[in-house]
Amino acid sequence: MTKPPSSSAPGSGQDKGNRRRPAAFSIEAEPSVAVPRPSTPRQPQSFSHDVVIVPDEEDPFLGAASPVDDIPLATPRRRGFSFARLAAGAFGILVSLALGLWVDGLIRDLFARSDWLGSVAVGVLVVGLLALAIAIGREVAGLYRLEAVQSLKADAELASADRRRPAALAIVKRLSRLVSHRPETARGQKVMTEVENDVIDGPQLIELAERELLSPLDIKARNLILGASKRVSVVTAVSPRALVDLGYVLFEVVRLVRAMAELYGGRPGSLGMLRLLRDVIAHLAVTGSIAVGDSLVQQVLGHGLASRLSARLGEGVINGLMTARIGIAAMDLCRPLPFRALKRPGIGDFIGDLTPSLNGKPDGGNN
């Protein structure tokens, strides 16, 4: 009885016999390209005289700002000696003396006529002087708060350039006290208390305070600017009289500047408001931002879109953009720290919100 042939297992002698034995192959060398060498070696040259270092502001490859967003930073005007101010003070003292003599003579005449009339006049005078003192004190306090904001901004610039931690820590503490009345900064106050001892570099500490304490206030400031711009745009587009347009724009501008100052801790009085408005208007006049017309419409919205706008709608959009520019200038003046860690808003940030239906994307482009 014969056995069936068994299949050879791997590794057996038969399998080894069927394997192909390794062979050697010769690899041809790639043809080498002879690099011609100059007969005389090149002398080393210096190119330092041809290299020109271009500043970052003039480098076209670093993303220059759009002409629409290129708004100079608003700074308060420097106040020095003025003969007009001296004359106003001198005449004010003279008028005060004349008023005092008139009140003194009036009270004497009332006492001569009747004792109770003189007593009533003295009581009214005391109440009036007390109310005047309180009003003057509030105005002085408002001016002091505005000066505190401006001095904090200047000291922050010096502390960032000095790069010393104690000076930066003092700036952060002053900023915390200035904005402590705002509930939006509660989380930032807690974060700064926890990590202020962990940051060694002075400028980094100031930038961290800017991000944690001023970022929520900047968001609210942008909403204030956007809301005022939208209201001005709508009202001036539908109002039938230019006088109504002017009055409403002035009302919104005054309310926006006051809200911006209160937001950043520099709540002003009446004199402080006049001072802030003067600085804002002076900044707009210097930068040439007050002139509006077809050229500004075409610069902001483009030639094709400007040609499709009606006259009233175009005026409303431009008035809204001008209100936004005034709000940005007020933000520069009222903000206690310069923009370093955070991006400064520009007009381009508000164009899409003011004209959502003109670019083919209604409701913010969700459709």
Protein backbone atom coordinates (compact mmCIF):
# COMPACT_ATOMS: atom_id res chain seq x y z
CA MET A 1 0.00 0.00 0.00
CA THR A 2 1.57 3.24 -1.12
CA LYS A 3 1.41 6.47 0.89
CA PRO A 4 0.19 9.66 -0.74
CA PRO A 5 2.87 12.19 -1.32
CA SER A 6 2.98 14.68 1.51
CA SER A 7 3.21 18.37 0.80
CA SER A 8 6.49 19.87 1.75
CA ALA A 9 6.35 22.01 4.83
CA PRO A 10 7.89 25.45 4.85
CA GLY A 11 11.52 25.30 5.63
CA SER A 12 11.95 21.83 4.29
CA GLY A 13 14.74 20.84 1.97
CA GLN A 14 12.48 20.64 -1.05
CA ASP A 15 11.22 24.20 -0.49
CA LYS A 16 14.76 25.42 -0.16
CA GLY A 17 15.61 23.82 -3.47
CA ASN A 18 12.79 25.64 -5.26
CA ARG A 19 13.83 29.08 -4.02
CA ARG A 20 15.67 31.41 -6.38
CA ARG A 21 19.15 31.98 -5.35
CA PRO A 22 20.26 35.60 -4.83
CA ALA A 23 22.03 37.16 -7.75
CA ALA A 24 24.22 40.23 -8.08
CA PHE A 25 23.37 43.08 -10.44
CA SER A 26 25.65 45.85 -11.46
CA ILE A 27 24.24 49.41 -11.21
CA GLU A 28 25.43 51.79 -13.80
CA ALA A 29 26.67 55.05 -12.42
CA GLU A 30 24.73 58.18 -13.35
CA PRO A 31 26.51 60.32 -15.84
CA SER A 32 28.12 63.19 -14.05
CA VAL A 33 27.73 66.67 -15.46
CA ALA A 34 30.91 68.56 -15.46
CA VAL A 35 30.44 72.04 -14.00
CA PRO A 36 32.59 74.49 -15.84
CA ARG A 37 34.83 76.43 -13.56
CA PRO A 38 35.97 79.93 -14.34
CA SER A 39 39.54 80.31 -15.25
CA THR A 40 40.01 82.96 -12.58
CA PRO A 41 38.24 82.67 -9.20
CA ARG A 42 35.61 85.36 -8.44
CA GLN A 43 36.67 87.86 -5.88
CA PRO A 44 34.40 88.21 -2.81
CA GLN A 45 32.09 91.22 -2.99
CA SER A 46 30.20 93.22 -0.40
CA PHE A 47 26.55 94.02 -0.96
CA SER A 48 25.99 96.08 2.20
CA HIS A 49 25.80 99.32 0.25
CA ASP A 50 22.90 97.97 -1.82
CA VAL A 51 20.74 96.83 1.13
CA VAL A 52 18.07 99.27 2.26
CA ILE A 53 16.04 98.45 5.38
CA VAL A 54 12.45 99.50 4.81
CA PRO A 55 10.37 100.38 7.89
CA ASP A 56 7.40 98.16 8.65
CA GLU A 57 4.98 101.00 7.97
CA GLU A 58 6.30 101.38 4.40
CA ASP A 59 6.62 97.68 3.59
CA PRO A 60 3.89 96.78 1.06
CA PHE A 61 4.08 93.08 1.96
CA LEU A 62 3.11 93.52 5.62
CA GLY A 63 -0.50 94.31 4.85
CA ALA A 64 -0.91 98.04 4.88
CA ALA A 65 -4.18 99.34 6.26
CA SER A 66 -6.97 100.30 3.95
CA PRO A 67 -7.45 104.02 3.35
CA VAL A 68 -10.86 103.70 4.96
CA ASP A 69 -9.43 102.26 8.18
CA ASP A 70 -6.35 104.48 8.26
CA ILE A 71 -7.60 106.78 11.04
CA PRO A 72 -4.94 108.60 13.07
CA LEU A 73 -5.04 108.09 16.81
CA ALA A 74 -6.98 110.76 18.65
CA THR A 75 -4.99 112.46 21.43
CA PRO A 76 -6.04 115.29 23.76
CA ARG A 77 -4.82 118.77 22.90
CA ARG A 78 -1.98 120.21 24.94
CA ARG A 79 -3.13 123.16 27.00
CA GLY A 80 -0.64 125.91 27.70
CA PHE A 81 -0.75 129.58 28.57
CA SER A 82 -3.47 131.58 26.86
CA PHE A 83 -4.12 135.34 27.03
CA ALA A 84 -7.80 134.68 26.33
CA ARG A 85 -7.99 132.42 29.37
CA LEU A 86 -6.20 135.02 31.47
CA ALA A 87 -8.60 137.74 30.34
CA ALA A 88 -11.61 135.50 31.06
CA GLY A 89 -10.34 134.83 34.57
CA ALA A 90 -9.72 138.51 35.29
CA PHE A 91 -13.15 139.59 34.07
CA GLY A 92 -14.74 136.69 35.94
CA ILE A 93 -13.23 137.92 39.22
CA LEU A 94 -14.44 141.45 38.47
CA VAL A 95 -17.98 140.25 37.75
CA SER A 96 -17.95 138.16 40.94
CA LEU A 97 -16.98 141.21 43.02
CA ALA A 98 -19.72 143.28 41.39
CA LEU A 99 -22.25 140.54 42.04
CA GLY A 100 -21.14 140.32 45.67
CA LEU A 101 -21.58 144.05 46.18
CA TRP A 102 -25.03 143.88 44.59
CA VAL A 103 -26.11 141.00 46.85
CA ASP A 104 -24.73 142.81 49.91
CA GLY A 105 -26.67 145.96 49.05
CA LEU A 106 -29.83 143.95 48.38
CA ILE A 107 -29.66 142.18 51.75
CA ARG A 108 -29.04 145.48 53.58
CA ASP A 109 -32.05 147.04 51.88
CA LEU A 110 -34.23 144.04 52.80
CA PHE A 111 -33.13 144.22 56.47
CA ALA A 112 -33.86 147.94 56.47
CA ARG A 113 -37.35 147.26 55.16
CA SER A 114 -38.12 144.25 57.38
CA ASP A 115 -36.08 141.81 59.46
CA TRP A 116 -37.84 138.71 58.16
CA LEU A 117 -37.19 139.72 54.53
CA GLY A 118 -33.49 140.06 55.28
CA SER A 119 -33.44 136.67 57.04
CA VAL A 120 -35.15 135.00 54.05
CA ALA A 121 -32.62 136.59 51.69
CA VAL A 122 -29.70 135.34 53.79
CA GLY A 123 -31.17 131.81 53.86
CA VAL A 124 -31.68 131.80 50.09
CA LEU A 125 -28.14 133.06 49.62
CA VAL A 126 -26.73 130.26 51.81
CA VAL A 127 -28.69 127.59 49.92
CA GLY A 128 -27.57 129.01 46.57
CA LEU A 129 -23.91 129.16 47.62
CA LEU A 130 -24.06 125.59 48.94
CA ALA A 131 -25.60 124.28 45.70
CA LEU A 132 -23.02 126.21 43.66
CA ALA A 133 -20.19 124.72 45.73
CA ILE A 134 -21.55 121.20 45.17
CA ALA A 135 -21.91 121.81 41.43
CA ILE A 136 -18.36 123.19 41.20
CA GLY A 137 -17.08 120.22 43.19
CA ARG A 138 -18.74 117.78 40.81
CA GLU A 139 -17.27 119.57 37.81
CA VAL A 140 -13.81 119.53 39.38
CA ALA A 141 -14.21 115.82 40.18
CA GLY A 142 -15.22 115.13 36.55
CA LEU A 143 -12.19 117.02 35.24
CA TYR A 144 -9.99 115.12 37.71
CA ARG A 145 -11.34 111.79 36.44
CA LEU A 146 -10.56 112.78 32.85
CA GLU A 147 -7.05 113.83 33.87
CA ALA A 148 -6.63 110.53 35.74
CA VAL A 149 -7.45 108.60 32.57
CA GLN A 150 -5.01 110.61 30.47
CA SER A 151 -2.23 110.39 33.06
CA LEU A 152 -2.76 106.63 33.34
CA LYS A 153 -2.40 106.30 29.58
CA ALA A 154 0.82 108.36 29.55
CA ASP A 155 2.27 106.45 32.53
CA ALA A 156 1.44 103.14 30.84
CA GLU A 157 3.46 104.20 27.79
CA LEU A 158 6.43 105.07 30.02
CA ALA A 159 6.13 101.83 32.00
CA SER A 160 6.04 99.75 28.79
CA ALA A 161 9.16 101.50 27.50
CA ASP A 162 10.91 101.17 30.89
CA ARG A 163 10.11 97.41 31.08
CA ARG A 164 10.33 97.33 34.88
CA ARG A 165 7.85 95.19 36.75
CA PRO A 166 7.14 97.50 39.75
CA ALA A 167 6.05 100.35 37.45
CA ALA A 168 3.89 97.97 35.38
CA LEU A 169 2.31 96.53 38.54
CA ALA A 170 1.41 100.05 39.71
CA ILE A 171 -0.24 100.72 36.33
CA VAL A 172 -2.28 97.51 36.61
CA LYS A 173 -3.48 98.40 40.11
CA ARG A 174 -4.50 101.90 38.99
CA LEU A 175 -6.36 100.42 36.04
CA SER A 176 -8.14 97.92 38.30
CA ARG A 177 -9.33 100.69 40.60
CA LEU A 178 -10.46 102.81 37.65
CA VAL A 179 -12.68 100.12 36.08
CA SER A 180 -13.73 98.34 39.28
CA HIS A 181 -17.21 99.89 39.04
CA ARG A 182 -17.97 97.95 35.85
CA PRO A 183 -19.46 94.46 36.39
CA GLU A 184 -18.00 93.33 33.03
CA THR A 185 -14.50 93.42 34.56
CA ALA A 186 -15.23 91.12 37.53
CA ARG A 187 -13.75 88.04 35.83
CA GLY A 188 -10.70 90.01 34.68
CA GLN A 189 -10.16 91.37 38.20
CA LYS A 190 -10.13 87.82 39.55
CA VAL A 191 -7.71 86.60 36.86
CA MET A 192 -5.31 89.50 37.47
CA THR A 193 -5.34 88.85 41.21
CA GLU A 194 -4.44 85.20 40.62
CA VAL A 195 -1.66 85.63 38.04
CA GLU A 196 -0.16 89.06 38.73
CA ASN A 197 2.70 87.49 40.70
CA ASP A 198 3.44 84.97 37.93
CA VAL A 199 4.19 87.49 35.17
CA ILE A 200 7.70 88.91 35.44
CA ASP A 201 7.95 91.03 32.31
CA GLY A 202 6.46 94.51 32.77
CA PRO A 203 5.04 95.07 29.25
CA GLN A 204 3.53 91.58 29.23
CA LEU A 205 1.78 92.34 32.53
CA ILE A 206 0.28 95.53 31.11
CA GLU A 207 -0.86 93.72 27.95
CA LEU A 208 -2.44 90.97 30.07
CA ALA A 209 -4.34 93.61 32.05
CA GLU A 210 -5.47 95.18 28.78
CA ARG A 211 -6.83 91.86 27.51
CA GLU A 212 -8.52 90.84 30.76
CA LEU A 213 -9.86 94.20 31.99
CA LEU A 214 -10.46 96.25 28.85
CA SER A 215 -11.53 93.57 26.36
CA PRO A 216 -15.15 93.34 27.67
CA LEU A 217 -15.33 97.13 27.83
CA ASP A 218 -14.07 97.39 24.24
CA ILE A 219 -16.85 95.05 23.12
CA LYS A 220 -19.43 97.20 24.88
CA ALA A 221 -17.86 100.35 23.38
CA ARG A 222 -18.15 98.86 19.89
CA ASN A 223 -21.81 98.09 20.55
CA LEU A 224 -22.36 101.68 21.69
CA ILE A 225 -20.75 103.01 18.50
CA LEU A 226 -22.68 100.61 16.30
CA GLY A 227 -26.01 101.40 17.96
CA ALA A 228 -25.54 105.15 17.63
CA SER A 229 -24.40 104.80 14.01
CA LYS A 230 -27.43 102.70 13.09
CA ARG A 231 -29.84 105.14 14.70
CA VAL A 232 -28.23 108.11 12.95
CA SER A 233 -28.24 106.26 9.63
CA VAL A 234 -31.94 105.39 9.84
CA VAL A 235 -33.16 108.74 11.16
CA THR A 236 -31.20 110.87 8.69
CA ALA A 237 -32.33 108.65 5.81
CA VAL A 238 -36.05 109.12 6.55
CA SER A 239 -36.22 112.60 8.13
CA PRO A 240 -37.73 115.28 5.88
CA ARG A 241 -35.72 118.26 7.21
CA ALA A 242 -32.00 118.91 7.35
CA LEU A 243 -32.46 120.72 10.68
CA VAL A 244 -33.88 117.53 12.18
CA ASP A 245 -30.85 115.62 10.87
CA LEU A 246 -28.43 118.08 12.45
CA GLY A 247 -30.20 118.14 15.78
CA TYR A 248 -30.45 114.36 16.04
CA VAL A 249 -26.81 113.85 15.04
CA LEU A 250 -25.66 116.30 17.72
CA PHE A 251 -27.87 114.57 20.28
CA GLU A 252 -26.46 111.13 19.43
CA VAL A 253 -22.86 112.40 19.38
CA VAL A 254 -23.14 114.00 22.82
CA ARG A 255 -24.80 110.90 24.25
CA LEU A 256 -22.19 108.61 22.66
CA VAL A 257 -19.24 110.61 23.98
CA ARG A 258 -20.72 110.74 27.47
CA ALA A 259 -21.45 106.99 27.46
CA MET A 260 -17.93 106.26 26.24
CA ALA A 261 -16.40 108.33 29.05
CA GLU A 262 -18.59 106.67 31.69
CA LEU A 263 -17.76 103.23 30.30
CA TYR A 264 -14.01 103.64 30.82
CA GLY A 265 -14.26 105.27 34.25
CA GLY A 266 -13.83 108.94 33.27
CA ARG A 267 -17.39 110.15 33.95
CA PRO A 268 -17.31 113.87 33.12
CA GLY A 269 -19.41 116.83 34.18
CA SER A 270 -20.66 119.59 31.93
CA LEU A 271 -17.24 121.23 31.56
CA GLY A 272 -15.63 117.84 31.01
CA MET A 273 -18.14 117.04 28.28
CA LEU A 274 -17.37 120.33 26.52
CA ARG A 275 -13.69 119.52 26.76
CA LEU A 276 -14.14 116.02 25.36
CA LEU A 277 -16.33 117.27 22.52
CA ARG A 278 -13.78 119.94 21.68
CA ASP A 279 -10.99 117.37 21.52
CA VAL A 280 -13.07 115.03 19.34
CA ILE A 281 -14.08 117.80 16.93
CA ALA A 282 -10.51 119.09 16.81
CA HIS A 283 -9.26 115.60 15.93
CA LEU A 284 -11.83 115.23 13.17
CA ALA A 285 -11.02 118.68 11.79
CA VAL A 286 -7.28 117.95 11.76
CA THR A 287 -7.70 114.58 10.04
CA GLY A 288 -10.12 116.00 7.46
CA SER A 289 -12.91 113.62 8.46
CA ILE A 290 -15.72 116.16 8.49
CA ALA A 291 -15.97 116.57 4.72
CA VAL A 292 -18.57 114.23 3.27
CA GLY A 293 -19.70 113.86 -0.30
CA ASP A 294 -19.62 111.67 -3.37
CA SER A 295 -15.87 111.06 -3.06
CA LEU A 296 -16.23 109.66 0.46
CA VAL A 297 -19.22 107.56 -0.59
CA GLN A 298 -17.22 106.03 -3.43
CA GLN A 299 -14.17 105.54 -1.22
CA VAL A 300 -16.14 103.71 1.46
CA LEU A 301 -18.74 101.81 -0.55
CA GLY A 302 -17.18 101.54 -4.00
CA HIS A 303 -18.18 103.13 -7.29
CA GLY A 304 -20.66 100.44 -8.32
CA LEU A 305 -22.52 100.35 -5.02
CA ALA A 306 -22.51 104.14 -4.68
CA SER A 307 -24.17 104.49 -8.08
CA ARG A 308 -27.00 102.15 -6.97
CA LEU A 309 -27.76 104.07 -3.77
CA SER A 310 -30.44 106.70 -3.60
CA ALA A 311 -29.49 110.14 -2.38
CA ARG A 312 -31.26 109.84 0.98
CA LEU A 313 -29.98 106.34 1.65
CA GLY A 314 -26.45 107.38 0.78
CA GLU A 315 -26.67 110.34 3.15
CA GLY A 316 -27.92 108.07 5.92
CA VAL A 317 -25.08 105.58 5.44
CA ILE A 318 -22.43 108.30 5.38
CA ASN A 319 -23.87 110.01 8.46
CA GLY A 320 -23.80 106.66 10.24
CA LEU A 321 -20.16 106.13 9.25
CA MET A 322 -19.29 109.63 10.41
CA THR A 323 -20.92 108.88 13.77
CA ALA A 324 -18.83 105.71 13.96
CA ARG A 325 -15.68 107.72 13.29
CA ILE A 326 -16.60 110.16 16.06
CA GLY A 327 -17.17 107.19 18.36
CA ILE A 328 -13.74 105.76 17.51
CA ALA A 329 -12.12 109.12 18.27
CA ALA A 330 -13.98 109.29 21.60
CA MET A 331 -12.84 105.73 22.33
CA ASP A 332 -9.22 106.78 21.76
CA LEU A 333 -9.60 109.72 24.13
CA CYS A 334 -11.49 107.91 26.90
CA ARG A 335 -9.68 104.56 26.91
CA PRO A 336 -7.21 104.41 29.83
CA LEU A 337 -4.62 102.29 27.93
CA PRO A 338 -3.40 102.56 24.34
CA PHE A 339 -4.17 99.72 21.94
CA ARG A 340 -1.31 97.22 22.11
CA ALA A 341 -2.54 93.71 22.89
CA LEU A 342 -5.94 94.31 21.27
CA LYS A 343 -6.82 95.52 17.78
CA ARG A 344 -8.03 99.09 17.43
CA PRO A 345 -11.41 99.25 15.66
CA GLY A 346 -11.70 101.01 12.32
CA ILE A 347 -14.40 102.26 10.01
CA GLY A 348 -14.21 99.03 8.01
CA ASP A 349 -15.47 97.12 11.06
CA PHE A 350 -18.80 98.97 10.88
CA ILE A 351 -19.46 99.11 7.12
CA GLY A 352 -20.85 95.58 6.94
CA ASP A 353 -23.13 96.21 9.93
CA LEU A 354 -24.45 99.52 8.62
CA THR A 355 -25.09 98.24 5.08
CA PRO A 356 -26.03 94.53 5.49
CA SER A 357 -28.62 94.56 2.70
CA LEU A 358 -26.51 96.45 0.16
CA ASN A 359 -23.85 93.80 -0.32
CA GLY A 360 -26.21 90.94 -1.14
CA LYS A 361 -26.00 89.41 2.35
CA PRO A 362 -29.04 90.32 4.41
CA ASP A 363 -29.12 89.62 8.12
CA GLY A 364 -25.38 89.61 8.42
CA GLY A 365 -24.84 87.20 5.54
CA ASN A 366 -26.55 84.20 7.12
CA ASN A 367 -28.66 83.48 4.06
